[in-house]
């Protein structure tokens, strides 16, 4: 049981659109930290991923401690489910349990958006901030440095 009291309490958290942190990835993808784990007691993390016409994404990978779900809200997003690439359209949903191989890219040539849900909610904002800093600064990492960075954030290449 997550709540043991016999009466409810006023404990909702509201974030208005101007108060939601965001960043820009090297691919010009805009990431909005709608409800990161730091806001939800690490129960879940919800991020809005707005990709331009050539929005990039990760290579095939998996996570050991959390699931990842994708809900497409605009355009077409190529989602890899571990066996095949799927062209996901608005309203399509893909759930990837811990250990599930997955990837995504915008290969449609048109802008696309999706919501990404992590559960439980690890502090993925730190990972995205680190990726944005590396990409936007032009800093180059060796293969070993990438492996170490990914491992610190529970991300492991599928190969």
C-alpha atoms as a PDB file:
ATOM      1  CA  UNK A   1       0.000   0.000   0.000  1.00  0.00           C
ATOM      2  CA  UNK A   2       1.414   3.397  -0.981  1.00  0.00           C
ATOM      3  CA  UNK A   3      -0.876   5.492   1.200  1.00  0.00           C
ATOM      4  CA  UNK A   4      -1.881   4.310   4.674  1.00  0.00           C
ATOM      5  CA  UNK A   5      -4.002   7.181   5.995  1.00  0.00           C
ATOM      6  CA  UNK A   6      -7.801   6.879   6.143  1.00  0.00           C
ATOM      7  CA  UNK A   7      -8.388  10.358   4.742  1.00  0.00           C
ATOM      8  CA  UNK A   8      -7.069  11.967   1.601  1.00  0.00           C
ATOM      9  CA  UNK A   9      -4.927  15.070   1.489  1.00  0.00           C
ATOM     10  CA  UNK A  10      -4.258  17.956  -0.857  1.00  0.00           C
ATOM     11  CA  UNK A  11      -0.966  16.910  -2.395  1.00  0.00           C
ATOM     12  CA  UNK A  12      -1.292  17.400  -6.163  1.00  0.00           C
ATOM     13  CA  UNK A  13       1.581  19.011  -8.046  1.00  0.00           C
ATOM     14  CA  UNK A  14       0.821  21.357 -10.928  1.00  0.00           C
ATOM     15  CA  UNK A  15       3.322  22.595 -13.479  1.00  0.00           C
ATOM     16  CA  UNK A  16       2.169  25.212 -15.950  1.00  0.00           C
ATOM     17  CA  UNK A  17       3.660  25.122 -19.419  1.00  0.00           C
ATOM     18  CA  UNK A  18       6.108  27.961 -18.781  1.00  0.00           C
ATOM     19  CA  UNK A  19       7.456  26.190 -15.689  1.00  0.00           C
ATOM     20  CA  UNK A  20       8.467  22.964 -17.407  1.00  0.00           C
ATOM     21  CA  UNK A  21      12.232  22.713 -17.996  1.00  0.00           C
ATOM     22  CA  UNK A  22      13.321  21.828 -21.503  1.00  0.00           C
ATOM     23  CA  UNK A  23      16.473  21.402 -23.520  1.00  0.00           C
ATOM     24  CA  UNK A  24      17.560  21.095 -27.123  1.00  0.00           C
ATOM     25  CA  UNK A  25      19.484  18.068 -28.318  1.00  0.00           C
ATOM     26  CA  UNK A  26      22.133  18.213 -31.069  1.00  0.00           C
ATOM     27  CA  UNK A  27      19.523  16.959 -33.563  1.00  0.00           C
ATOM     28  CA  UNK A  28      17.369  20.019 -32.695  1.00  0.00           C
ATOM     29  CA  UNK A  29      14.963  17.748 -30.836  1.00  0.00           C
ATOM     30  CA  UNK A  30      13.202  19.683 -28.074  1.00  0.00           C
ATOM     31  CA  UNK A  31      12.828  17.666 -24.852  1.00  0.00           C
ATOM     32  CA  UNK A  32      10.363  18.853 -22.186  1.00  0.00           C
ATOM     33  CA  UNK A  33      10.711  17.418 -18.670  1.00  0.00           C
ATOM     34  CA  UNK A  34       6.952  17.240 -18.087  1.00  0.00           C
ATOM     35  CA  UNK A  35       7.118  15.128 -14.919  1.00  0.00           C
ATOM     36  CA  UNK A  36      10.595  13.780 -14.222  1.00  0.00           C
ATOM     37  CA  UNK A  37      11.251  11.240 -11.489  1.00  0.00           C
ATOM     38  CA  UNK A  38      12.535  14.033  -9.261  1.00  0.00           C
ATOM     39  CA  UNK A  39       8.995  15.473  -9.250  1.00  0.00           C
ATOM     40  CA  UNK A  40       7.090  12.181  -8.859  1.00  0.00           C
ATOM     41  CA  UNK A  41       9.075  10.580  -6.025  1.00  0.00           C
ATOM     42  CA  UNK A  42      10.653   8.423  -8.746  1.00  0.00           C
ATOM     43  CA  UNK A  43       7.360   6.606  -9.364  1.00  0.00           C
ATOM     44  CA  UNK A  44       7.488   7.532 -13.062  1.00  0.00           C
ATOM     45  CA  UNK A  45       9.062  10.029 -15.436  1.00  0.00           C
ATOM     46  CA  UNK A  46       7.181  11.656 -18.308  1.00  0.00           C
ATOM     47  CA  UNK A  47       9.006  13.481 -21.098  1.00  0.00           C
ATOM     48  CA  UNK A  48       7.737  15.136 -24.262  1.00  0.00           C
ATOM     49  CA  UNK A  49      10.018  14.490 -27.230  1.00  0.00           C
ATOM     50  CA  UNK A  50       9.519  16.945 -30.146  1.00  0.00           C
ATOM     51  CA  UNK A  51      11.619  15.988 -33.155  1.00  0.00           C
ATOM     52  CA  UNK A  52      12.276  18.059 -36.247  1.00  0.00           C
ATOM     53  CA  UNK A  53      12.089  16.544 -39.700  1.00  0.00           C
ATOM     54  CA  UNK A  54      15.432  14.773 -39.151  1.00  0.00           C
ATOM     55  CA  UNK A  55      15.124  14.104 -35.418  1.00  0.00           C
ATOM     56  CA  UNK A  56      17.653  11.613 -34.177  1.00  0.00           C
ATOM     57  CA  UNK A  57      17.333   8.978 -31.538  1.00  0.00           C
ATOM     58  CA  UNK A  58      19.298   6.234 -29.808  1.00  0.00           C
ATOM     59  CA  UNK A  59      20.635   3.040 -31.317  1.00  0.00           C
ATOM     60  CA  UNK A  60      19.135  -0.234 -30.078  1.00  0.00           C
ATOM     61  CA  UNK A  61      19.581  -0.556 -26.314  1.00  0.00           C
ATOM     62  CA  UNK A  62      17.925  -1.839 -23.136  1.00  0.00           C
ATOM     63  CA  UNK A  63      17.493  -0.857 -19.491  1.00  0.00           C
ATOM     64  CA  UNK A  64      17.767  -3.145 -16.455  1.00  0.00           C
ATOM     65  CA  UNK A  65      15.776  -1.237 -13.818  1.00  0.00           C
ATOM     66  CA  UNK A  66      12.879   0.492 -15.574  1.00  0.00           C
ATOM     67  CA  UNK A  67      10.383   0.153 -18.382  1.00  0.00           C
ATOM     68  CA  UNK A  68       9.964   2.660 -21.185  1.00  0.00           C
ATOM     69  CA  UNK A  69       6.756   3.462 -23.040  1.00  0.00           C
ATOM     70  CA  UNK A  70       6.188   5.544 -26.147  1.00  0.00           C
ATOM     71  CA  UNK A  71       2.969   7.309 -27.154  1.00  0.00           C
ATOM     72  CA  UNK A  72       3.095   9.094 -30.515  1.00  0.00           C
ATOM     73  CA  UNK A  73       1.202  12.386 -30.580  1.00  0.00           C
ATOM     74  CA  UNK A  74       2.204  13.841 -33.965  1.00  0.00           C
ATOM     75  CA  UNK A  75       3.783  12.613 -37.183  1.00  0.00           C
ATOM     76  CA  UNK A  76       5.434   9.240 -37.703  1.00  0.00           C
ATOM     77  CA  UNK A  77       8.106   7.819 -35.404  1.00  0.00           C
ATOM     78  CA  UNK A  78      10.135   4.753 -36.334  1.00  0.00           C
ATOM     79  CA  UNK A  79      10.182   2.560 -33.198  1.00  0.00           C
ATOM     80  CA  UNK A  80      12.305  -0.581 -32.942  1.00  0.00           C
ATOM     81  CA  UNK A  81      10.674  -3.290 -30.815  1.00  0.00           C
ATOM     82  CA  UNK A  82      13.708  -5.572 -30.635  1.00  0.00           C
ATOM     83  CA  UNK A  83      12.852  -7.470 -33.803  1.00  0.00           C
ATOM     84  CA  UNK A  84      11.557  -4.948 -36.349  1.00  0.00           C
ATOM     85  CA  UNK A  85      11.090  -1.244 -37.001  1.00  0.00           C
ATOM     86  CA  UNK A  86       7.494  -0.067 -36.721  1.00  0.00           C
ATOM     87  CA  UNK A  87       6.156   3.172 -38.210  1.00  0.00           C
ATOM     88  CA  UNK A  88       4.168   4.458 -35.242  1.00  0.00           C
ATOM     89  CA  UNK A  89       1.423   7.019 -35.923  1.00  0.00           C
ATOM     90  CA  UNK A  90      -0.446   9.390 -33.580  1.00  0.00           C
ATOM     91  CA  UNK A  91      -2.273   7.312 -30.984  1.00  0.00           C
ATOM     92  CA  UNK A  92       0.086   4.325 -31.290  1.00  0.00           C
ATOM     93  CA  UNK A  93       1.602   3.077 -28.030  1.00  0.00           C
ATOM     94  CA  UNK A  94       4.617   0.813 -27.473  1.00  0.00           C
ATOM     95  CA  UNK A  95       5.555  -0.582 -24.046  1.00  0.00           C
ATOM     96  CA  UNK A  96       9.080  -1.928 -23.459  1.00  0.00           C
ATOM     97  CA  UNK A  97       9.615  -3.825 -20.171  1.00  0.00           C
ATOM     98  CA  UNK A  98      12.992  -3.854 -18.383  1.00  0.00           C
ATOM     99  CA  UNK A  99      15.465  -5.762 -20.552  1.00  0.00           C
ATOM    100  CA  UNK A 100      13.490  -5.107 -23.740  1.00  0.00           C
ATOM    101  CA  UNK A 101      15.564  -4.009 -26.717  1.00  0.00           C
ATOM    102  CA  UNK A 102      14.292  -0.829 -28.350  1.00  0.00           C
ATOM    103  CA  UNK A 103      15.259   2.301 -30.291  1.00  0.00           C
ATOM    104  CA  UNK A 104      13.568   5.195 -32.067  1.00  0.00           C
ATOM    105  CA  UNK A 105      14.241   7.690 -34.844  1.00  0.00           C
ATOM    106  CA  UNK A 106      12.293  10.165 -36.905  1.00  0.00           C
ATOM    107  CA  UNK A 107      12.962   9.072 -40.467  1.00  0.00           C
ATOM    108  CA  UNK A 108       9.737  10.481 -41.927  1.00  0.00           C
ATOM    109  CA  UNK A 109      11.154  13.807 -43.112  1.00  0.00           C
ATOM    110  CA  UNK A 110       8.369  15.586 -41.179  1.00  0.00           C
ATOM    111  CA  UNK A 111       8.261  16.815 -37.560  1.00  0.00           C
ATOM    112  CA  UNK A 112       7.071  14.234 -35.033  1.00  0.00           C
ATOM    113  CA  UNK A 113       6.317  14.191 -31.311  1.00  0.00           C
ATOM    114  CA  UNK A 114       5.793  11.575 -28.655  1.00  0.00           C
ATOM    115  CA  UNK A 115       5.527  11.155 -24.932  1.00  0.00           C
ATOM    116  CA  UNK A 116       8.078   8.873 -23.273  1.00  0.00           C
ATOM    117  CA  UNK A 117       7.159   7.335 -19.919  1.00  0.00           C
ATOM    118  CA  UNK A 118       9.752   5.713 -17.646  1.00  0.00           C
ATOM    119  CA  UNK A 119       8.558   3.580 -14.726  1.00  0.00           C
ATOM    120  CA  UNK A 120       9.694   3.667 -12.076  1.00  0.00           C
ATOM    121  CA  UNK A 121      11.033   7.162 -12.633  1.00  0.00           C
ATOM    122  CA  UNK A 122      14.820   7.251 -12.610  1.00  0.00           C
ATOM    123  CA  UNK A 123      16.396  10.696 -12.966  1.00  0.00           C
ATOM    124  CA  UNK A 124      16.547  10.503 -16.781  1.00  0.00           C
ATOM    125  CA  UNK A 125      16.713  14.293 -16.994  1.00  0.00           C
ATOM    126  CA  UNK A 126      20.363  14.057 -15.926  1.00  0.00           C
ATOM    127  CA  UNK A 127      21.062  11.668 -18.800  1.00  0.00           C
ATOM    128  CA  UNK A 128      19.330  13.907 -21.346  1.00  0.00           C
ATOM    129  CA  UNK A 129      21.134  16.986 -20.021  1.00  0.00           C
ATOM    130  CA  UNK A 130      24.461  15.197 -20.365  1.00  0.00           C
ATOM    131  CA  UNK A 131      23.667  14.097 -23.929  1.00  0.00           C
ATOM    132  CA  UNK A 132      22.616  17.628 -24.892  1.00  0.00           C
ATOM    133  CA  UNK A 133      25.797  19.113 -23.427  1.00  0.00           C
ATOM    134  CA  UNK A 134      28.001  16.629 -25.283  1.00  0.00           C
ATOM    135  CA  UNK A 135      26.186  17.078 -28.581  1.00  0.00           C
ATOM    136  CA  UNK A 136      25.882  20.844 -28.435  1.00  0.00           C
ATOM    137  CA  UNK A 137      29.501  21.387 -27.331  1.00  0.00           C
ATOM    138  CA  UNK A 138      30.936  19.191 -30.067  1.00  0.00           C
ATOM    139  CA  UNK A 139      32.858  17.199 -27.449  1.00  0.00           C
ATOM    140  CA  UNK A 140      33.877  13.750 -28.696  1.00  0.00           C
ATOM    141  CA  UNK A 141      33.721  10.640 -26.509  1.00  0.00           C
ATOM    142  CA  UNK A 142      35.598   7.397 -27.068  1.00  0.00           C
ATOM    143  CA  UNK A 143      33.647   4.140 -27.286  1.00  0.00           C
ATOM    144  CA  UNK A 144      34.674   3.323 -23.710  1.00  0.00           C
ATOM    145  CA  UNK A 145      33.504   6.738 -22.488  1.00  0.00           C
ATOM    146  CA  UNK A 146      30.111   6.231 -24.166  1.00  0.00           C
ATOM    147  CA  UNK A 147      29.753   2.790 -22.555  1.00  0.00           C
ATOM    148  CA  UNK A 148      30.580   4.280 -19.126  1.00  0.00           C
ATOM    149  CA  UNK A 149      28.127   7.173 -19.582  1.00  0.00           C
ATOM    150  CA  UNK A 150      25.323   4.869 -20.692  1.00  0.00           C
ATOM    151  CA  UNK A 151      25.965   2.414 -17.836  1.00  0.00           C
ATOM    152  CA  UNK A 152      25.765   5.250 -15.263  1.00  0.00           C
ATOM    153  CA  UNK A 153      22.255   5.894 -16.581  1.00  0.00           C
ATOM    154  CA  UNK A 154      21.144   2.242 -16.894  1.00  0.00           C
ATOM    155  CA  UNK A 155      21.425   2.159 -20.668  1.00  0.00           C
ATOM    156  CA  UNK A 156      23.170  -0.744 -22.378  1.00  0.00           C
ATOM    157  CA  UNK A 157      23.816  -1.258 -26.095  1.00  0.00           C
ATOM    158  CA  UNK A 158      21.911  -4.183 -27.588  1.00  0.00           C
ATOM    159  CA  UNK A 159      24.931  -5.437 -29.530  1.00  0.00           C
END
